[in-house]
Every structure is written in C-alpha cells, then in structure tokens.
Amino acid sequence: MSGLTDPVVTFDHAYATYSGQVDLLELWVSSNAGVSYSLLYTWLGGSTGPLNTGGQVYEPFFPTSGQWASKSYSLPANTNRFLFRGVSDWGNNLYLDNISVHGTCTPATSPTAVITPGGPTTFCQGGSVTLTASGGTGYLWSNSATTAAINVSTGGTYTVTVTNSNGCTDTKNITTTVNPLLPVSVSVTPSGNPVAQGTEVTFIASGINSGTSPSFHWKVNGNIVNGASDEIYAFIPENNDEVICVLTSNAICTSGNPASSNTVVMSVITVPVNTSITGIISTGQTECFNAEQTLTVAGSLTTFTVNNGGSATLIAGLNIVYLQGTSVHSGGYMHGYITTNSQFCNLPSHPVTPEISSTEYDRDGKERPWFRIFPNPTPGIFNIDAKGVKSIGNIIVEIFSIYGGRMYKKELSGHRIEDRKWISELIRITFNALPEKKQKKNK
C-alpha cells in the first residue's frame, strides 16, 4: 500500500443491535509495518448508527443478502498496514467481507508480469506445454485458472493478470500453436511385372508427407538390402521375390512414421534359350511360344497348324524359323516377332499386327494354305509364292512391322503376277502367283 497514491479501503458489512446497544467498529492504521497502530476512524452501531443494516434482532443475527452495505475510507499516504477492531456492547453480531484497498498505482509500485513456457509453444497435436507466470502474489488466467502455472494442450492466446501486494496489476499474454499430425505413407511401383528371367527391374518409391530429407530402406523377402537407401532401387529378381520399402519421414508432427509400402510380388517368366514347336492350335485355343534366341516352327517331317478360331503368338530374341509343315487355316491367327526389349510371353502385350491369311481348296474340298513366305529368317529380301492356284483374282499384299505399323500395301490381279517393291534399302518383296500343275487327262 505504501506505493499507492490516495489509497482507499473498501469493505462490506452487516450488523443488527439487540435492543439498542451501541457496538463499535474501529479502523486502525500503521506506517511502520505493524510495529504500532493508531486509531483512524470509528463507526457506531446501535439502533441508528451507520453500521446498522438489520435493525433490532432479539436473537443471534445472521444477515440475508439484502442486509449488507458497503463502506470506504481514505487511508494516509504512508499507511502500510491496517486492521479492523470490533468493540462489543453486548449487542449482536457484526460481519465484514470483501475488504480491499484501491488507489493509483505508479510504475515503481506496479508488478511486471512474466510468462515462462516450459517448452516450445509450437507443438504437435497430442502434446502440451506448461506456462508459468511470475512477478506478483496473485494470478488470474484467461482460462479462469488462478494458479501461477497452467498446462495447455490447445492453440490460442493465453493472458495472465498479475497482482502484487499493493493491489497493483499487470498483464502478459503468450500464444501457442498446435500443428496437426500428418500421416506418412509410401507406395512402390516396379518398372515391369511380370518380367523375363534375368531382367533388371527398377522399383520406385513414392512417399506422402515424407519431409525434406526422407530416408528409404528396401527389403527383399524380409531382408534389409544394405546400401539401398534411395527412393529408387534396381536388381534382377527371382520368381516370387517380395519387395517392400520402408520410408522414414523427417517432417514434423507425423503419424504412422516410419511407413511400410505395399508388397510387390515378382513374377519372373523363364524363357528357354532355343525351342522348337509342333502340334495343333485348336478353335478357341490361344497360345504363346518364346525363346531367348531361336524359335523353330515345324520342320523335320513335323507340322504346326493353327485352325480356324485358334491363335498363336511367337516371340524370339534373335530368330523365328518357319519350316515346312507350318500352316494357318482361314480364321486362324499367328503372329511372330523379334522382341527388342526382352519382353516375352505372359508379359505386357505388344501391338498386334492385322490378320493376314487366305486359303484355297483342292479338288477333294480340303482346306489348305495357298501361299508361302521365304527365306525366313531373311537379311531383308523375301518372296511370297502362291501355290497350286488356277485363278487368282484380286490379291492385296500388306507388310506390317513388329509394332503393328503398315509398311507396304499393294493390290495385284491376274493369273501370273510379278511385283517388285523396295520397302527400304534392305527390304524387297517379290510376289509370284504360280499356276497349278496340269493334270493328266484320263483316256
């Protein structure tokens, strides 16, 4: 109080006399911290005194809410202690409440509010921070707490009002921020699956909420791959190898960290070096044949036939050799090509060339192919010969690349036709429609 300018004491009181007895209330003050006091003011009770709020009561007095009054009195400027003293005349009860001292605070007598956080004021969802106020003897926070320290787990601005022994106050505020949790995930995509045996596969990990400097760990069949710490990993898999990636994010406020990817189960197709094929592809049957180097079709008194509604795909790394005994009936389909990217059967499909086939019938009504292509393999020049045909009519010859693009188209007509066409500097086609051999007449 000694630091207040024009201090005033304020209090509430309630009193009733018994039958006119005059009880007293005295205000004493001290300027030497309570070593000595002097009487400053006296309030009289009795039936008409300024203390009386309840009249006369012939039993112990207990005030109602409407039987209270307020008083205030100015204190000397040098007052640093005061006390109230009740003097009984055997009247009745006297009550005091809400005693306070008010005045004008000066900078020298006002407190300085300080808030000290017990940790970072920006934290992740689910965290908290302790805020401790100091600088006074009483504290009132904006969340209604009256302790010096509070623990908060939500973001916002927190204000504390600090009161010192002079009754002077100061305020301070601090802001906390709560960051939401970011779920971490990772997915893995292979460059190919299934793949041919011996093919190197590149696996790419794509992370979500991975931060600015994530770390990756790859596992094959549950075993950590030493040295594989980037988002890209390549190796030559075996069939049924299981590949996953574990991502550790350096982002703040994450959940599910580290995260494991989907499991990629590799399908590795074993392709023979060289192979020969024979047999019949029946209606509704679809087959694929492959070889890393050379695929040989029929030959050595064997046959390979694709019937109407059947389909055969032939893939080789170097050569496809079509030998005598190879035939495709009308409505059948056979597509052969040299792979340029080690993609074989049961692997991602390639462009399919349009069907090129035609048939003729012998005098017994049997269906048979009417053309042959040779030589195969070829350095670039090959021939198409019609066989055993009496009358040809219009014929369309089309040549397609292994990627399905048409390189050449020519319409021919007549019994015996010769057409030469340079496809490029290395490829030439010669088409000959050969007449059927004459039959001997029966005499």
Protein backbone atom coordinates (compact mmCIF):
# COMPACT_ATOMS: atom_id res chain seq x y z
CA MET A 1 0.00 0.00 0.00
CA SER A 2 2.88 2.35 0.60
CA GLY A 3 3.29 2.64 -3.14
CA LEU A 4 -0.31 3.68 -3.80
CA THR A 5 -1.35 7.23 -4.41
CA ASP A 6 -4.51 8.21 -2.45
CA PRO A 7 -5.20 4.72 -1.04
CA VAL A 8 -8.78 3.90 -0.08
CA VAL A 9 -10.00 0.91 1.93
CA THR A 10 -13.37 -0.53 0.91
CA PHE A 11 -15.39 -3.22 2.70
CA ASP A 12 -18.87 -4.70 3.02
CA HIS A 13 -20.59 -5.01 6.42
CA ALA A 14 -23.76 -6.34 8.06
CA TYR A 15 -24.95 -5.57 11.65
CA ALA A 16 -28.01 -5.54 13.88
CA THR A 17 -28.36 -4.41 17.52
CA TYR A 18 -30.09 -6.46 20.15
CA SER A 19 -32.10 -3.79 21.92
CA GLY A 20 -30.29 -0.54 21.31
CA GLN A 21 -26.80 -1.49 22.50
CA VAL A 22 -24.11 0.50 20.69
CA ASP A 23 -21.36 -1.80 19.36
CA LEU A 24 -18.36 -0.20 17.60
CA LEU A 25 -16.11 -0.86 14.59
CA GLU A 26 -12.66 0.79 14.64
CA LEU A 27 -10.14 1.26 11.81
CA TRP A 28 -6.51 1.33 12.93
CA VAL A 29 -3.52 2.13 10.64
CA SER A 30 0.25 1.67 10.79
CA SER A 31 3.09 3.33 8.88
CA ASN A 32 5.87 1.18 10.38
CA ALA A 33 4.82 -2.28 9.15
CA GLY A 34 2.65 -3.01 12.18
CA VAL A 35 5.05 -2.05 14.95
CA SER A 36 2.48 0.41 16.23
CA TYR A 37 -1.05 1.43 15.19
CA SER A 38 -3.17 4.50 15.64
CA LEU A 39 -6.95 4.82 15.58
CA LEU A 40 -8.12 6.37 12.31
CA TYR A 41 -11.93 6.08 12.40
CA THR A 42 -14.82 4.63 14.46
CA TRP A 43 -18.25 3.51 13.14
CA LEU A 44 -21.13 3.30 15.63
CA GLY A 45 -23.66 0.51 15.94
CA GLY A 46 -26.87 0.70 17.98
CA SER A 47 -30.31 1.20 16.51
CA THR A 48 -29.41 4.25 14.40
CA GLY A 49 -25.62 4.03 13.96
CA PRO A 50 -24.03 3.86 10.45
CA LEU A 51 -23.14 0.19 11.00
CA ASN A 52 -26.76 -0.94 11.44
CA THR A 53 -28.16 -2.79 8.42
CA GLY A 54 -30.60 -5.16 10.17
CA GLY A 55 -32.39 -3.12 12.85
CA GLN A 56 -33.06 -4.81 16.20
CA VAL A 57 -32.91 -8.59 16.47
CA TYR A 58 -33.64 -10.35 19.76
CA GLU A 59 -31.70 -13.44 18.77
CA PRO A 60 -28.29 -14.01 17.12
CA PHE A 61 -28.14 -12.00 13.85
CA PHE A 62 -27.49 -13.79 10.53
CA PRO A 63 -27.73 -11.39 7.59
CA THR A 64 -29.63 -12.04 4.40
CA SER A 65 -28.30 -10.95 1.01
CA GLY A 66 -30.28 -7.71 1.35
CA GLN A 67 -28.83 -6.81 4.73
CA TRP A 68 -25.36 -5.80 3.54
CA ALA A 69 -23.87 -2.36 2.93
CA SER A 70 -20.52 -1.01 1.70
CA LYS A 71 -18.18 1.48 3.32
CA SER A 72 -14.97 3.12 2.15
CA TYR A 73 -12.44 5.35 3.88
CA SER A 74 -9.29 7.12 2.71
CA LEU A 75 -6.01 5.98 4.23
CA PRO A 76 -2.96 8.13 4.93
CA ALA A 77 -0.40 8.09 2.12
CA ASN A 78 2.25 6.41 4.29
CA THR A 79 -0.02 3.59 5.51
CA ASN A 80 1.42 0.13 5.01
CA ARG A 81 -0.74 -1.84 7.47
CA PHE A 82 -4.29 -1.50 8.76
CA LEU A 83 -6.70 -3.53 10.88
CA PHE A 84 -10.33 -3.54 11.94
CA ARG A 85 -11.27 -3.84 15.61
CA GLY A 86 -14.74 -4.65 16.92
CA VAL A 87 -15.82 -3.26 20.32
CA SER A 88 -18.78 -5.08 21.84
CA ASP A 89 -21.53 -3.50 23.93
CA TRP A 90 -23.20 -6.89 24.18
CA GLY A 91 -25.37 -6.01 21.26
CA ASN A 92 -25.33 -8.53 18.31
CA ASN A 93 -23.19 -9.95 15.51
CA LEU A 94 -21.09 -7.77 13.16
CA TYR A 95 -19.90 -9.15 9.75
CA LEU A 96 -17.16 -7.85 7.37
CA ASP A 97 -16.45 -9.08 3.80
CA ASN A 98 -14.74 -8.10 0.52
CA ILE A 99 -12.06 -5.94 2.16
CA SER A 100 -9.84 -4.29 -0.47
CA VAL A 101 -7.52 -1.33 -0.90
CA HIS A 102 -7.63 0.80 -4.03
CA GLY A 103 -5.55 3.65 -5.21
CA THR A 104 -3.49 4.90 -8.10
CA CYS A 105 -0.58 2.56 -8.94
CA THR A 106 2.73 4.03 -10.08
CA PRO A 107 5.34 2.27 -12.25
CA ALA A 108 7.51 1.90 -9.20
CA THR A 109 4.79 0.07 -7.28
CA SER A 110 3.23 -1.94 -10.15
CA PRO A 111 4.26 -5.54 -10.81
CA THR A 112 5.86 -6.78 -14.03
CA ALA A 113 4.06 -9.84 -15.31
CA VAL A 114 6.26 -12.57 -16.82
CA ILE A 115 5.21 -15.83 -18.54
CA THR A 116 7.84 -18.56 -18.90
CA PRO A 117 6.95 -21.54 -21.14
CA GLY A 118 8.25 -24.92 -20.04
CA GLY A 119 8.94 -25.96 -23.64
CA PRO A 120 8.24 -24.97 -27.25
CA THR A 121 5.00 -23.06 -27.67
CA THR A 122 4.53 -24.68 -31.08
CA PHE A 123 3.96 -28.39 -30.70
CA CYS A 124 2.23 -31.34 -32.33
CA GLN A 125 -1.33 -32.45 -31.83
CA GLY A 126 -1.47 -34.51 -28.64
CA GLY A 127 1.32 -32.50 -26.96
CA SER A 128 1.20 -29.73 -24.35
CA VAL A 129 3.28 -27.01 -22.70
CA THR A 130 3.36 -25.60 -19.17
CA LEU A 131 3.08 -21.81 -18.84
CA THR A 132 4.35 -20.31 -15.56
CA ALA A 133 3.57 -16.73 -14.52
CA SER A 134 5.66 -14.69 -12.05
CA GLY A 135 6.02 -11.12 -10.77
CA GLY A 136 3.18 -10.91 -8.25
CA THR A 137 1.32 -12.56 -5.41
CA GLY A 138 -1.91 -13.33 -7.24
CA TYR A 139 -2.65 -14.65 -10.73
CA LEU A 140 -5.73 -14.84 -12.91
CA TRP A 141 -5.51 -16.52 -16.34
CA SER A 142 -7.84 -16.01 -19.27
CA ASN A 143 -8.99 -19.63 -18.88
CA SER A 144 -10.10 -18.73 -15.28
CA ALA A 145 -7.19 -20.55 -13.63
CA THR A 146 -5.83 -18.81 -10.51
CA THR A 147 -2.57 -20.74 -10.14
CA ALA A 148 0.80 -19.42 -11.20
CA ALA A 149 1.32 -22.33 -13.66
CA ILE A 150 -1.10 -23.83 -16.16
CA ASN A 151 -0.70 -26.69 -18.66
CA VAL A 152 -2.25 -26.13 -22.09
CA SER A 153 -2.76 -28.54 -24.99
CA THR A 154 -4.73 -26.34 -27.40
CA GLY A 155 -3.58 -23.47 -29.54
CA GLY A 156 -4.51 -19.87 -28.82
CA THR A 157 -3.54 -16.78 -26.84
CA TYR A 158 -3.33 -17.09 -23.04
CA THR A 159 -3.37 -13.94 -20.86
CA VAL A 160 -2.49 -13.67 -17.16
CA THR A 161 -3.25 -10.78 -14.81
CA VAL A 162 -0.65 -10.48 -12.06
CA THR A 163 -1.46 -8.66 -8.79
CA ASN A 164 1.15 -7.62 -6.20
CA SER A 165 0.83 -6.83 -2.50
CA ASN A 166 -0.03 -3.20 -3.32
CA GLY A 167 -3.07 -4.30 -5.23
CA CYS A 168 -1.50 -3.15 -8.47
CA THR A 169 -1.77 -5.29 -11.57
CA ASP A 170 -0.03 -6.06 -14.86
CA THR A 171 -0.98 -8.35 -17.75
CA LYS A 172 1.00 -10.56 -20.11
CA ASN A 173 -0.02 -12.87 -22.92
CA ILE A 174 1.55 -15.70 -24.89
CA THR A 175 0.43 -17.60 -27.99
CA THR A 176 0.62 -21.36 -28.53
CA THR A 177 0.28 -23.18 -31.85
CA VAL A 178 -0.77 -26.82 -32.33
CA ASN A 179 0.23 -28.48 -35.61
CA PRO A 180 -1.96 -31.33 -36.93
CA LEU A 181 -0.49 -34.80 -37.41
CA LEU A 182 0.50 -35.70 -40.99
CA PRO A 183 0.02 -39.37 -41.97
CA VAL A 184 3.10 -40.85 -43.66
CA SER A 185 2.69 -43.44 -46.42
CA VAL A 186 4.71 -44.91 -49.28
CA SER A 187 3.87 -46.96 -52.36
CA VAL A 188 6.19 -48.94 -54.66
CA THR A 189 5.85 -49.33 -58.44
CA PRO A 190 8.07 -51.75 -60.44
CA SER A 191 9.21 -50.98 -63.98
CA GLY A 192 7.77 -54.33 -65.02
CA ASN A 193 5.89 -57.29 -63.54
CA PRO A 194 5.90 -59.97 -64.78
CA VAL A 195 9.33 -59.95 -66.43
CA ALA A 196 11.57 -62.39 -68.21
CA GLN A 197 14.22 -64.21 -66.25
CA GLY A 198 17.41 -62.16 -65.97
CA THR A 199 15.62 -58.82 -66.46
CA GLU A 200 16.67 -55.97 -64.16
CA VAL A 201 13.63 -54.34 -62.57
CA THR A 202 13.62 -50.78 -61.23
CA PHE A 203 11.42 -50.10 -58.20
CA ILE A 204 10.33 -46.52 -57.48
CA ALA A 205 9.04 -45.49 -54.04
CA SER A 206 6.56 -42.61 -53.87
CA GLY A 207 6.13 -41.10 -50.40
CA ILE A 208 3.43 -38.86 -48.92
CA ASN A 209 4.40 -36.40 -46.15
CA SER A 210 7.98 -37.65 -46.44
CA GLY A 211 9.58 -34.33 -45.43
CA THR A 212 12.55 -32.57 -46.94
CA SER A 213 15.12 -35.30 -46.32
CA PRO A 214 13.44 -38.70 -46.07
CA SER A 215 15.30 -42.00 -45.71
CA PHE A 216 14.39 -45.21 -47.52
CA HIS A 217 15.18 -48.81 -46.65
CA TRP A 218 14.44 -51.63 -49.06
CA LYS A 219 13.66 -55.20 -48.12
CA VAL A 220 13.66 -58.29 -50.34
CA ASN A 221 11.95 -61.32 -48.83
CA GLY A 222 12.04 -59.60 -45.43
CA ASN A 223 15.79 -58.94 -45.51
CA ILE A 224 17.17 -55.40 -45.49
CA VAL A 225 19.19 -54.58 -48.62
CA ASN A 226 22.45 -52.97 -47.49
CA GLY A 227 23.25 -49.72 -49.26
CA ALA A 228 19.76 -49.31 -50.75
CA SER A 229 18.75 -46.01 -49.19
CA ASP A 230 17.28 -44.03 -52.10
CA GLU A 231 13.74 -43.88 -53.43
CA ILE A 232 14.87 -45.91 -56.47
CA TYR A 233 16.18 -49.47 -56.20
CA ALA A 234 17.04 -51.86 -59.05
CA PHE A 235 18.01 -55.52 -59.10
CA ILE A 236 17.39 -58.75 -61.03
CA PRO A 237 14.60 -60.58 -59.20
CA GLU A 238 13.78 -64.25 -58.91
CA ASN A 239 10.27 -65.59 -59.20
CA ASN A 240 8.07 -64.80 -56.14
CA ASP A 241 10.58 -62.33 -54.67
CA GLU A 242 8.75 -59.96 -52.30
CA VAL A 243 9.89 -56.32 -52.34
CA ILE A 244 8.85 -53.58 -49.91
CA CYS A 245 10.18 -50.15 -48.97
CA VAL A 246 10.22 -48.57 -45.51
CA LEU A 247 10.06 -44.75 -45.51
CA THR A 248 11.18 -42.66 -42.54
CA SER A 249 9.99 -39.06 -42.82
CA ASN A 250 11.80 -36.07 -41.29
CA ALA A 251 8.63 -33.95 -41.37
CA ILE A 252 7.40 -32.65 -38.03
CA CYS A 253 4.15 -33.86 -36.48
CA THR A 254 3.72 -37.16 -38.35
CA SER A 255 1.72 -40.28 -37.70
CA GLY A 256 2.49 -43.78 -38.96
CA ASN A 257 6.17 -42.95 -39.19
CA PRO A 258 8.11 -44.93 -40.38
CA ALA A 259 5.74 -46.30 -43.01
CA SER A 260 5.92 -49.59 -44.94
CA SER A 261 4.86 -49.81 -48.58
CA ASN A 262 2.72 -52.31 -50.43
CA THR A 263 4.39 -55.66 -51.08
CA VAL A 264 5.38 -56.26 -54.73
CA VAL A 265 5.46 -59.99 -55.51
CA MET A 266 7.56 -60.50 -58.63
CA SER A 267 6.52 -62.91 -61.36
CA VAL A 268 9.59 -64.00 -63.32
CA ILE A 269 8.99 -65.88 -66.55
CA THR A 270 11.58 -68.50 -67.50
CA VAL A 271 12.33 -68.37 -71.23
CA PRO A 272 14.26 -71.22 -72.97
CA VAL A 273 17.32 -70.30 -74.99
CA ASN A 274 16.17 -72.22 -78.10
CA THR A 275 12.99 -74.19 -78.66
CA SER A 276 11.01 -75.95 -81.38
CA ILE A 277 7.23 -76.06 -81.58
CA THR A 278 4.88 -78.54 -83.27
CA GLY A 279 1.26 -79.52 -82.90
CA ILE A 280 -2.20 -78.06 -83.48
CA ILE A 281 -3.77 -74.87 -82.11
CA SER A 282 -7.47 -75.70 -81.99
CA THR A 283 -10.55 -73.47 -82.20
CA GLY A 284 -10.79 -71.22 -79.14
CA GLN A 285 -7.23 -72.04 -78.06
CA THR A 286 -4.71 -69.20 -77.52
CA GLU A 287 -1.03 -70.00 -77.03
CA CYS A 288 2.23 -68.09 -76.81
CA PHE A 289 5.67 -69.56 -77.55
CA ASN A 290 9.03 -67.92 -76.90
CA ALA A 291 12.80 -68.37 -76.96
CA GLU A 292 15.66 -66.14 -75.91
CA GLN A 293 17.43 -66.84 -79.21
CA THR A 294 15.82 -69.06 -81.87
CA LEU A 295 12.25 -70.34 -82.14
CA THR A 296 11.83 -73.09 -84.79
CA VAL A 297 8.37 -73.89 -86.16
CA ALA A 298 7.64 -77.39 -87.57
CA GLY A 299 10.23 -78.97 -89.90
CA SER A 300 11.81 -82.48 -89.93
CA LEU A 301 8.52 -84.06 -91.06
CA THR A 302 6.56 -82.37 -88.23
CA THR A 303 3.71 -79.88 -88.50
CA PHE A 304 2.44 -76.83 -86.71
CA THR A 305 -1.13 -75.86 -87.57
CA VAL A 306 -3.37 -73.02 -86.38
CA ASN A 307 -7.01 -73.91 -87.01
CA ASN A 308 -9.94 -71.55 -87.53
CA GLY A 309 -10.52 -69.63 -84.26
CA GLY A 310 -7.10 -70.53 -82.87
CA SER A 311 -4.37 -68.03 -82.01
CA ALA A 312 -0.60 -68.43 -81.70
CA THR A 313 1.94 -65.77 -80.78
CA LEU A 314 5.63 -66.44 -81.38
CA ILE A 315 8.34 -64.32 -79.75
CA ALA A 316 12.09 -64.74 -80.09
CA GLY A 317 15.17 -62.77 -79.18
CA LEU A 318 17.05 -63.44 -82.44
CA ASN A 319 15.27 -65.69 -84.98
CA ILE A 320 11.93 -67.27 -85.77
CA VAL A 321 12.41 -70.08 -88.32
CA TYR A 322 9.24 -71.19 -90.11
CA LEU A 323 9.90 -74.59 -91.74
CA GLN A 324 7.86 -76.85 -93.99
CA GLY A 325 4.81 -78.06 -92.15
CA THR A 326 3.73 -74.67 -90.84
CA SER A 327 0.16 -73.72 -91.74
CA VAL A 328 -2.59 -71.31 -90.69
CA HIS A 329 -6.17 -72.09 -91.69
CA SER A 330 -8.71 -69.45 -92.61
CA GLY A 331 -9.87 -67.69 -89.45
CA GLY A 332 -6.73 -68.72 -87.59
CA TYR A 333 -4.18 -66.24 -86.30
CA MET A 334 -0.40 -66.45 -85.96
CA HIS A 335 1.77 -63.50 -85.01
CA GLY A 336 5.53 -63.80 -84.75
CA TYR A 337 8.04 -61.08 -83.92
CA ILE A 338 11.53 -60.41 -82.59
CA THR A 339 11.47 -58.70 -79.22
CA THR A 340 13.63 -55.62 -78.78
CA ASN A 341 13.13 -55.20 -75.02
CA SER A 342 13.31 -58.77 -73.65
CA GLN A 343 9.53 -58.92 -73.23
CA PHE A 344 8.30 -62.46 -73.81
CA CYS A 345 5.12 -64.48 -73.25
CA ASN A 346 2.89 -63.66 -70.26
CA LEU A 347 4.40 -60.19 -70.19
CA PRO A 348 2.83 -56.82 -71.10
CA SER A 349 1.29 -57.09 -74.54
CA HIS A 350 2.76 -55.66 -77.72
CA PRO A 351 0.94 -54.08 -80.67
CA VAL A 352 -0.81 -56.78 -82.68
CA THR A 353 -0.50 -56.86 -86.47
CA PRO A 354 -3.66 -57.26 -88.54
CA GLU A 355 -4.52 -60.78 -89.61
CA ILE A 356 -3.07 -61.84 -92.99
CA SER A 357 -4.27 -65.23 -94.14
CA SER A 358 -6.10 -66.82 -97.02
CA THR A 359 -6.97 -70.31 -98.10
CA GLU A 360 -7.81 -72.31 -101.24
CA TYR A 361 -9.39 -75.72 -101.62
CA ASP A 362 -8.14 -78.73 -103.57
CA ARG A 363 -10.43 -80.87 -105.76
CA ASP A 364 -11.29 -83.03 -102.77
CA GLY A 365 -12.64 -79.99 -100.91
CA LYS A 366 -9.83 -79.89 -98.35
CA GLU A 367 -8.79 -76.51 -97.00
CA ARG A 368 -5.10 -75.62 -97.32
CA PRO A 369 -2.86 -72.51 -97.18
CA TRP A 370 -2.18 -71.06 -100.60
CA PHE A 371 0.96 -69.00 -100.01
CA ARG A 372 4.41 -69.36 -98.55
CA ILE A 373 7.00 -66.77 -97.47
CA PHE A 374 10.73 -67.44 -97.85
CA PRO A 375 13.53 -67.23 -96.89
CA ASN A 376 12.93 -66.95 -93.12
CA PRO A 377 14.96 -65.67 -91.42
CA THR A 378 15.84 -63.17 -94.15
CA PRO A 379 18.54 -60.48 -94.49
CA GLY A 380 15.87 -58.15 -95.90
CA ILE A 381 14.67 -59.63 -99.22
CA PHE A 382 11.92 -62.24 -99.17
CA ASN A 383 9.39 -63.80 -101.54
CA ILE A 384 5.71 -64.61 -101.42
CA ASP A 385 4.67 -67.52 -103.66
CA ALA A 386 1.14 -68.65 -104.39
CA LYS A 387 0.85 -72.39 -104.75
CA GLY A 388 -1.46 -74.56 -106.81
CA VAL A 389 -3.92 -71.84 -107.84
CA LYS A 390 -5.69 -71.88 -111.21
CA SER A 391 -7.26 -68.46 -110.94
CA ILE A 392 -6.16 -65.77 -108.54
CA GLY A 393 -8.35 -62.68 -108.96
CA ASN A 394 -7.55 -59.60 -106.92
CA ILE A 395 -4.96 -60.04 -104.13
CA ILE A 396 -3.90 -57.46 -101.53
CA VAL A 397 -0.41 -57.81 -100.08
CA GLU A 398 0.30 -55.86 -96.84
CA ILE A 399 3.53 -55.81 -94.82
CA PHE A 400 3.49 -54.73 -91.13
CA SER A 401 6.32 -54.01 -88.72
CA ILE A 402 6.57 -55.89 -85.44
CA TYR A 403 5.00 -52.84 -83.79
CA GLY A 404 1.85 -53.05 -85.90
CA GLY A 405 2.56 -50.23 -88.33
CA ARG A 406 1.82 -50.91 -92.03
CA MET A 407 4.96 -50.55 -94.11
CA TYR A 408 3.64 -51.62 -97.52
CA LYS A 409 0.36 -52.29 -99.36
CA LYS A 410 -0.18 -53.48 -102.94
CA GLU A 411 -3.23 -54.79 -104.81
CA LEU A 412 -2.40 -57.39 -107.51
CA SER A 413 -4.59 -59.18 -110.05
CA GLY A 414 -4.21 -61.74 -112.79
CA HIS A 415 -3.05 -65.33 -113.22
CA ARG A 416 0.70 -64.75 -113.08
CA ILE A 417 1.90 -61.57 -111.45
CA GLU A 418 5.30 -60.29 -110.60
CA ASP A 419 5.58 -57.18 -108.49
CA ARG A 420 8.81 -55.84 -107.05
CA LYS A 421 8.73 -53.21 -104.35
CA TRP A 422 11.61 -51.74 -102.41
CA ILE A 423 10.42 -51.19 -98.84
CA SER A 424 13.81 -49.73 -97.89
CA GLU A 425 17.37 -50.13 -98.99
CA LEU A 426 17.43 -53.61 -97.46
CA ILE A 427 13.89 -54.95 -97.87
CA ARG A 428 12.35 -56.08 -101.14
CA ILE A 429 9.29 -58.21 -101.81
CA THR A 430 8.71 -60.34 -104.90
CA PHE A 431 5.23 -61.79 -105.34
CA ASN A 432 4.73 -64.71 -107.79
CA ALA A 433 1.40 -66.36 -108.41
CA LEU A 434 2.37 -69.80 -109.66
CA PRO A 435 -0.11 -71.81 -111.78
CA GLU A 436 -1.19 -75.20 -110.57
CA LYS A 437 0.46 -78.15 -112.31
CA LYS A 438 -1.58 -79.55 -115.19
CA GLN A 439 -3.42 -82.80 -114.52
CA LYS A 440 -3.18 -85.68 -116.98
CA LYS A 441 -6.44 -86.48 -118.78
CA ASN A 442 -7.84 -89.95 -118.49
CA LYS A 443 -8.11 -91.71 -121.80
